[in-house]
Amino acid sequence: MTNKISITLSTTRKEKPQADQLEFGRVFTDHMFIMDYSVEKGWHDPRIVPYQPISLSPSTMVFHYGQTVFEGLKAYRTKENKVLLFRPDQNMQRLNLSNDRLCIPRIDEEFVIDALKQLVDIDKEWIPTAEGTSLYIRPFIIPTEYYLGVAPSKYYRFMIILSPVGSYYKEGIHPVKIFVENKYVRAVDGGTGKAKTGGNYASSLKAQEEAEKRGYSQVLWLDGVEKMYIEEVGSMNIFFKINGEVITPALNGSILEGVTRKSIIQLLKHWGVPVSERRLSMEEVYQAYKEGLLEESFGTGTAAVISPIGEFFYNDEKLVINNGETGEISKKLYDTLTGIQTGTHDDVFNWVVEV
């Protein structure tokens, strides 16, 4: 593959939304990155072009068999007007892990990060500066072969699109309410739970819909076999602070290894806070709640960063955490991580990359 990226700039620029009008994933910037794959050429023809629709045949495999992967990361603008990315190498490593699971050819991680930097630099004026805002980056791969047959595609398209965003949850940093799901199943060990693929999210929609009807923002998934052990929230990994110790479910083959999750564990260890990754049942959490030992709970993810959890609905009972207020650890983690991402805190881990 040639390392030369062709660039075609848009001749008409779109109007940028005001910071207070930003939703998550509704508005997109002026440009996008595209790269194609064929068995004959490998990955080829990398290009930055104006943001535009794509044309595909109805028989294109993406519409039929779910062989898709994606990632999510963010760009931030500092007070000094620098543009920073947060651990993009981790996202590209995880994208290749997803590729392996879905039989998609691996990408050159360094090349894609360079392409991403060029794209963000071209559209850097789209990066909002208000507190809690950022430029969301969505890399994704779809199969593009015209074929109705259950087999890996011989052709693919890799794309990156950009979207200025506000908070993922309308609650922002304020605590969200979570419904504990014990009927539907999202993933099991040996399945695709540890890959970031579209089917995982499609299978969560029914439970999410029912949770929202009850007034809950997200679903907490239990394991798909015994329906006892905690896995993750629909868009986040999850943590619990019980009797002074922060606990998160161990990666078990059906849980996505979040970049924010990994960063939070490193931060907690750096601070000397007891933190463990282990199997954790909802019943253990419930007993800790009854005994007054469940001090905090929060979710972590690129979209929401840190999302405090103020209430669980479990077995027809409301478990209100920390009086429904943001806990001390949740707030400190949010302030520190967003500070590193936006350049206001020292980056002692060398996590940020300047565009």
Protein backbone atom coordinates (compact mmCIF):
# COMPACT_ATOMS: atom_id res chain seq x y z
CA MET A 1 0.00 0.00 0.00
CA THR A 2 1.28 3.44 -0.84
CA ASN A 3 1.69 5.76 2.13
CA LYS A 4 0.62 8.75 0.06
CA ILE A 5 -2.80 10.03 1.11
CA SER A 6 -4.59 12.01 -1.58
CA ILE A 7 -6.53 15.01 -0.29
CA THR A 8 -9.53 16.65 -1.94
CA LEU A 9 -10.83 19.61 0.05
CA SER A 10 -14.48 20.58 0.15
CA THR A 11 -15.40 23.71 -1.77
CA THR A 12 -18.49 24.32 0.38
CA ARG A 13 -18.18 24.38 4.15
CA LYS A 14 -21.09 23.50 6.41
CA GLU A 15 -22.32 25.72 9.22
CA LYS A 16 -20.94 24.70 12.59
CA PRO A 17 -23.42 24.25 15.47
CA GLN A 18 -23.27 26.27 18.66
CA ALA A 19 -21.83 24.42 21.66
CA ASP A 20 -25.15 24.53 23.54
CA GLN A 21 -26.89 22.90 20.56
CA LEU A 22 -24.62 19.88 20.32
CA GLU A 23 -26.12 16.43 20.62
CA PHE A 24 -24.11 13.24 20.36
CA GLY A 25 -23.53 11.93 16.85
CA ARG A 26 -25.97 14.14 14.92
CA VAL A 27 -23.67 16.59 13.10
CA PHE A 28 -20.63 15.71 10.95
CA THR A 29 -17.65 17.69 9.72
CA ASP A 30 -16.65 18.68 6.18
CA HIS A 31 -14.31 15.77 5.40
CA MET A 32 -13.85 12.02 5.79
CA PHE A 33 -11.10 9.44 5.27
CA ILE A 34 -11.59 6.42 3.00
CA MET A 35 -9.36 3.45 2.17
CA ASP A 36 -10.26 0.30 0.24
CA TYR A 37 -9.18 -3.34 0.39
CA SER A 38 -9.13 -6.07 -2.21
CA VAL A 39 -7.50 -9.50 -2.16
CA GLU A 40 -5.43 -8.41 -5.17
CA LYS A 41 -4.12 -5.09 -3.81
CA GLY A 42 -4.51 -5.27 -0.03
CA TRP A 43 -5.36 -1.93 1.60
CA HIS A 44 -5.01 0.79 -1.04
CA ASP A 45 -6.14 4.20 -2.33
CA PRO A 46 -6.11 6.11 1.00
CA ARG A 47 -7.82 9.46 0.58
CA ILE A 48 -9.37 12.38 2.42
CA VAL A 49 -12.43 13.68 0.61
CA PRO A 50 -15.48 15.87 1.33
CA TYR A 51 -18.01 14.19 3.64
CA GLN A 52 -20.50 12.51 1.32
CA PRO A 53 -22.92 9.60 0.89
CA ILE A 54 -21.53 6.30 -0.35
CA SER A 55 -23.12 4.22 -3.09
CA LEU A 56 -23.46 0.44 -2.62
CA SER A 57 -25.29 -2.33 -4.43
CA PRO A 58 -28.25 -3.92 -2.59
CA SER A 59 -26.29 -7.18 -2.66
CA THR A 60 -23.32 -5.69 -0.79
CA MET A 61 -22.48 -8.05 2.06
CA VAL A 62 -22.60 -5.33 4.72
CA PHE A 63 -26.40 -5.31 4.43
CA HIS A 64 -26.76 -9.02 5.09
CA TYR A 65 -24.21 -10.62 7.41
CA GLY A 66 -23.03 -8.14 10.02
CA GLN A 67 -19.30 -8.37 9.26
CA THR A 68 -18.54 -4.88 10.54
CA VAL A 69 -16.25 -3.36 13.15
CA PHE A 70 -15.80 0.14 14.49
CA GLU A 71 -13.97 2.26 17.06
CA GLY A 72 -14.60 5.48 18.94
CA LEU A 73 -12.13 8.06 20.21
CA LYS A 74 -11.99 11.84 20.64
CA ALA A 75 -9.96 14.93 19.80
CA TYR A 76 -9.77 17.85 22.21
CA ARG A 77 -8.64 21.47 21.88
CA THR A 78 -6.49 22.90 24.71
CA LYS A 79 -6.47 26.45 26.05
CA GLU A 80 -3.22 26.92 24.08
CA ASN A 81 -5.13 25.92 20.90
CA LYS A 82 -3.34 22.59 20.58
CA VAL A 83 -5.29 19.56 19.34
CA LEU A 84 -4.87 16.38 21.36
CA LEU A 85 -5.87 12.74 20.83
CA PHE A 86 -6.25 10.36 23.77
CA ARG A 87 -4.44 7.01 23.40
CA PRO A 88 -5.23 6.44 19.69
CA ASP A 89 -2.76 3.54 19.62
CA GLN A 90 -5.03 1.62 22.00
CA ASN A 91 -8.03 2.11 19.74
CA MET A 92 -6.16 0.90 16.67
CA GLN A 93 -4.85 -2.15 18.52
CA ARG A 94 -8.40 -2.97 19.57
CA LEU A 95 -9.67 -2.40 16.03
CA ASN A 96 -7.25 -5.06 14.81
CA LEU A 97 -8.43 -7.44 17.54
CA SER A 98 -11.98 -6.89 16.29
CA ASN A 99 -10.77 -7.40 12.72
CA ASP A 100 -9.26 -10.75 13.66
CA ARG A 101 -12.50 -11.92 15.27
CA LEU A 102 -14.62 -10.85 12.27
CA CYS A 103 -12.21 -12.18 9.59
CA ILE A 104 -11.39 -8.68 8.34
CA PRO A 105 -7.84 -7.90 7.11
CA ARG A 106 -5.73 -6.06 9.69
CA ILE A 107 -4.89 -2.40 9.17
CA ASP A 108 -1.49 -0.73 9.51
CA GLU A 109 -2.03 0.95 12.88
CA GLU A 110 0.66 3.62 12.52
CA PHE A 111 -0.49 4.57 9.04
CA VAL A 112 -4.11 4.91 10.12
CA ILE A 113 -3.15 7.07 13.10
CA ASP A 114 -1.22 9.33 10.72
CA ALA A 115 -4.24 9.50 8.41
CA LEU A 116 -6.45 10.28 11.37
CA LYS A 117 -4.17 13.13 12.42
CA GLN A 118 -4.30 14.60 8.92
CA LEU A 119 -8.09 14.39 8.83
CA VAL A 120 -8.50 15.99 12.26
CA ASP A 121 -6.03 18.74 11.34
CA ILE A 122 -8.04 19.58 8.21
CA ASP A 123 -11.28 19.78 10.21
CA LYS A 124 -9.80 21.13 13.47
CA GLU A 125 -12.03 24.21 13.38
CA TRP A 126 -14.91 21.85 14.12
CA ILE A 127 -13.50 20.94 17.54
CA PRO A 128 -15.73 22.63 20.16
CA THR A 129 -14.10 24.27 23.17
CA ALA A 130 -16.91 24.44 25.74
CA GLU A 131 -16.53 22.27 28.85
CA GLY A 132 -17.66 18.69 28.26
CA THR A 133 -17.47 18.95 24.46
CA SER A 134 -15.06 17.31 22.02
CA LEU A 135 -14.69 16.01 18.47
CA TYR A 136 -15.84 12.40 18.32
CA ILE A 137 -13.92 10.20 15.87
CA ARG A 138 -15.55 7.12 14.35
CA PRO A 139 -13.30 4.73 12.37
CA PHE A 140 -15.17 1.75 10.89
CA ILE A 141 -14.84 -1.03 8.34
CA ILE A 142 -17.54 -2.59 6.18
CA PRO A 143 -17.47 -5.46 3.66
CA THR A 144 -18.15 -4.24 0.12
CA GLU A 145 -18.26 -7.42 -1.96
CA TYR A 146 -21.44 -7.97 -3.97
CA TYR A 147 -22.36 -11.47 -2.87
CA LEU A 148 -25.14 -13.30 -1.05
CA GLY A 149 -23.28 -16.00 0.80
CA VAL A 150 -22.09 -16.53 4.37
CA ALA A 151 -18.33 -16.13 4.02
CA PRO A 152 -15.76 -13.42 4.71
CA SER A 153 -15.85 -10.69 2.10
CA LYS A 154 -12.97 -10.30 -0.37
CA TYR A 155 -13.41 -6.50 -0.44
CA TYR A 156 -13.70 -3.89 2.32
CA ARG A 157 -13.89 -0.16 2.90
CA PHE A 158 -12.33 1.59 5.89
CA MET A 159 -13.69 5.03 6.76
CA ILE A 160 -13.24 7.68 9.42
CA ILE A 161 -15.87 10.32 10.07
CA LEU A 162 -15.86 13.13 12.64
CA SER A 163 -18.62 14.64 14.76
CA PRO A 164 -18.54 17.57 17.24
CA VAL A 165 -20.33 16.36 20.37
CA GLY A 166 -21.62 17.35 23.76
CA SER A 167 -22.34 14.92 26.59
CA TYR A 168 -23.33 11.37 25.64
CA TYR A 169 -26.00 11.31 28.35
CA LYS A 170 -28.30 14.26 28.75
CA GLU A 171 -27.52 14.01 32.47
CA GLY A 172 -23.86 14.89 31.73
CA ILE A 173 -21.67 14.20 34.77
CA HIS A 174 -24.79 13.88 36.89
CA PRO A 175 -25.67 10.33 37.99
CA VAL A 176 -27.60 8.09 35.60
CA LYS A 177 -30.09 5.35 36.42
CA ILE A 178 -29.35 1.80 35.26
CA PHE A 179 -31.70 -1.15 34.72
CA VAL A 180 -30.21 -4.57 35.58
CA GLU A 181 -31.20 -6.93 32.76
CA ASN A 182 -31.92 -10.56 33.70
CA LYS A 183 -33.98 -11.69 30.71
CA TYR A 184 -32.13 -10.83 27.51
CA VAL A 185 -28.54 -11.82 26.69
CA ARG A 186 -26.01 -9.73 24.75
CA ALA A 187 -22.88 -11.91 24.53
CA VAL A 188 -21.17 -15.03 25.89
CA ASP A 189 -17.59 -16.24 26.05
CA GLY A 190 -16.61 -17.50 22.61
CA GLY A 191 -18.97 -15.06 20.92
CA THR A 192 -18.19 -11.54 19.74
CA GLY A 193 -18.56 -9.67 23.04
CA LYS A 194 -14.91 -8.65 23.22
CA ALA A 195 -14.98 -7.29 19.64
CA LYS A 196 -16.44 -3.90 18.78
CA THR A 197 -18.88 -5.08 16.15
CA GLY A 198 -22.33 -3.85 15.21
CA GLY A 199 -24.19 -7.03 16.10
CA ASN A 200 -23.37 -6.65 19.79
CA TYR A 201 -25.21 -3.35 19.83
CA ALA A 202 -28.15 -4.53 17.72
CA SER A 203 -28.75 -7.39 20.16
CA SER A 204 -28.93 -4.89 23.04
CA LEU A 205 -31.65 -2.69 21.56
CA LYS A 206 -34.70 -4.57 22.85
CA ALA A 207 -33.55 -4.51 26.45
CA GLN A 208 -32.49 -0.88 26.08
CA GLU A 209 -35.92 0.05 24.74
CA GLU A 210 -37.68 -1.62 27.66
CA ALA A 211 -35.32 0.03 30.18
CA GLU A 212 -36.01 3.47 28.73
CA LYS A 213 -39.76 2.89 29.05
CA ARG A 214 -39.16 2.47 32.79
CA GLY A 215 -37.10 5.67 32.96
CA TYR A 216 -33.60 4.16 32.93
CA SER A 217 -30.73 5.44 30.79
CA GLN A 218 -28.93 2.17 30.16
CA VAL A 219 -28.92 -1.59 30.74
CA LEU A 220 -26.49 -3.48 32.95
CA TRP A 221 -25.84 -6.86 31.36
CA LEU A 222 -25.30 -10.03 33.39
CA ASP A 223 -23.47 -13.07 32.07
CA GLY A 224 -25.27 -14.99 29.35
CA VAL A 225 -25.07 -18.41 31.02
CA GLU A 226 -26.04 -18.10 34.69
CA LYS A 227 -27.39 -14.53 34.50
CA MET A 228 -25.69 -13.82 37.81
CA TYR A 229 -22.36 -12.17 37.13
CA ILE A 230 -21.95 -8.54 36.11
CA GLU A 231 -20.48 -7.82 32.68
CA GLU A 232 -20.92 -4.26 31.37
CA VAL A 233 -23.39 -1.49 30.67
CA GLY A 234 -24.52 -1.08 27.05
CA SER A 235 -22.09 1.73 26.25
CA MET A 236 -19.70 1.50 29.21
CA ASN A 237 -17.59 -0.73 31.39
CA ILE A 238 -18.67 -0.60 35.03
CA PHE A 239 -16.98 -0.10 38.41
CA PHE A 240 -18.20 -0.45 42.01
CA LYS A 241 -16.63 0.99 45.17
CA ILE A 242 -17.39 -1.47 47.96
CA ASN A 243 -16.02 -0.91 51.48
CA GLY A 244 -13.12 1.18 50.16
CA GLU A 245 -12.17 -1.13 47.26
CA VAL A 246 -12.93 -0.35 43.61
CA ILE A 247 -13.99 -3.49 41.73
CA THR A 248 -14.64 -4.02 38.02
CA PRO A 249 -15.60 -7.28 36.27
CA ALA A 250 -12.60 -9.17 34.92
CA LEU A 251 -12.31 -9.48 31.15
CA ASN A 252 -13.80 -12.87 30.37
CA GLY A 253 -14.14 -13.05 26.60
CA SER A 254 -17.57 -11.42 26.45
CA ILE A 255 -16.66 -7.96 27.81
CA LEU A 256 -15.17 -5.19 25.69
CA GLU A 257 -11.74 -4.06 26.90
CA GLY A 258 -12.39 -0.35 27.16
CA VAL A 259 -9.58 2.15 26.67
CA THR A 260 -11.11 4.35 29.37
CA ARG A 261 -11.47 1.28 31.63
CA LYS A 262 -7.77 0.51 31.26
CA SER A 263 -6.89 4.15 31.95
CA ILE A 264 -9.06 4.32 35.07
CA ILE A 265 -7.44 1.20 36.53
CA GLN A 266 -4.00 2.74 35.95
CA LEU A 267 -5.08 6.01 37.57
CA LEU A 268 -6.51 4.28 40.65
CA LYS A 269 -3.36 2.21 41.12
CA HIS A 270 -1.27 5.37 40.70
CA TRP A 271 -3.27 6.99 43.51
CA GLY A 272 -2.90 3.95 45.75
CA VAL A 273 -6.63 3.19 45.71
CA PRO A 274 -7.32 -0.56 46.12
CA VAL A 275 -8.65 -1.80 42.77
CA SER A 276 -9.35 -5.31 41.54
CA GLU A 277 -10.57 -7.04 38.40
CA ARG A 278 -12.58 -10.13 39.30
CA ARG A 279 -15.84 -11.96 38.83
CA LEU A 280 -18.56 -10.04 40.62
CA SER A 281 -22.16 -11.14 41.02
CA MET A 282 -25.10 -8.78 41.21
CA GLU A 283 -26.11 -10.54 44.40
CA GLU A 284 -22.77 -9.57 46.00
CA VAL A 285 -23.41 -5.96 45.00
CA TYR A 286 -26.94 -6.19 46.40
CA GLN A 287 -25.69 -7.53 49.73
CA ALA A 288 -23.09 -4.77 49.92
CA TYR A 289 -25.87 -2.27 49.29
CA LYS A 290 -28.01 -3.77 52.07
CA GLU A 291 -25.07 -3.63 54.48
CA GLY A 292 -24.28 -0.02 53.62
CA LEU A 293 -20.94 -0.94 52.02
CA LEU A 294 -21.74 0.04 48.41
CA GLU A 295 -20.27 3.52 48.35
CA GLU A 296 -20.18 4.39 44.63
CA SER A 297 -20.67 3.02 41.16
CA PHE A 298 -19.71 4.52 37.80
CA GLY A 299 -19.40 3.63 34.16
CA THR A 300 -16.43 4.35 31.90
CA GLY A 301 -16.24 4.79 28.14
CA THR A 302 -14.98 7.06 25.38
CA ALA A 303 -18.40 8.58 24.77
CA ALA A 304 -19.39 9.32 28.38
CA VAL A 305 -15.83 9.35 29.90
CA ILE A 306 -17.01 8.83 33.51
CA SER A 307 -20.70 8.42 34.19
CA PRO A 308 -21.69 8.22 37.87
CA ILE A 309 -24.52 5.78 38.61
CA GLY A 310 -27.11 6.99 41.08
CA GLU A 311 -29.56 4.10 40.97
CA PHE A 312 -29.92 0.46 39.91
CA PHE A 313 -33.22 -1.28 39.33
CA TYR A 314 -32.68 -4.91 40.35
CA ASN A 315 -35.34 -7.56 41.01
CA ASP A 316 -38.12 -4.96 41.25
CA GLU A 317 -36.17 -2.92 43.79
CA LYS A 318 -34.51 0.48 43.46
CA LEU A 319 -30.97 0.59 44.82
CA VAL A 320 -30.09 4.27 45.32
CA ILE A 321 -26.31 4.79 45.44
CA ASN A 322 -24.74 7.61 47.49
CA ASN A 323 -28.12 9.35 47.80
CA GLY A 324 -28.24 9.56 44.00
CA GLU A 325 -25.30 11.98 43.98
CA THR A 326 -21.91 11.91 42.24
CA GLY A 327 -19.36 10.20 44.44
CA GLU A 328 -15.92 11.49 45.42
CA ILE A 329 -13.94 8.94 43.38
CA SER A 330 -16.18 9.40 40.33
CA LYS A 331 -15.70 13.17 40.40
CA LYS A 332 -11.93 12.95 40.92
CA LEU A 333 -11.56 10.44 38.07
CA TYR A 334 -13.68 12.57 35.73
CA ASP A 335 -11.79 15.76 36.53
CA THR A 336 -8.39 14.09 36.21
CA LEU A 337 -9.10 12.17 33.00
CA THR A 338 -10.78 15.07 31.21
CA GLY A 339 -7.98 17.31 32.47
CA ILE A 340 -5.37 15.04 30.88
CA GLN A 341 -7.41 14.86 27.68
CA THR A 342 -7.74 18.65 27.41
CA GLY A 343 -4.21 19.49 28.57
CA THR A 344 -5.04 21.08 31.94
CA HIS A 345 -3.59 18.17 34.00
CA ASP A 346 -0.10 16.73 33.77
CA ASP A 347 0.00 13.69 31.49
CA VAL A 348 2.30 11.54 33.63
CA PHE A 349 1.38 8.43 31.61
CA ASN A 350 2.10 9.95 28.15
CA TRP A 351 -1.43 9.15 27.01
CA VAL A 352 -2.11 12.18 24.83
CA VAL A 353 -0.82 12.64 21.28
CA GLU A 354 -0.67 16.06 19.65
CA VAL A 355 -2.06 16.37 16.15
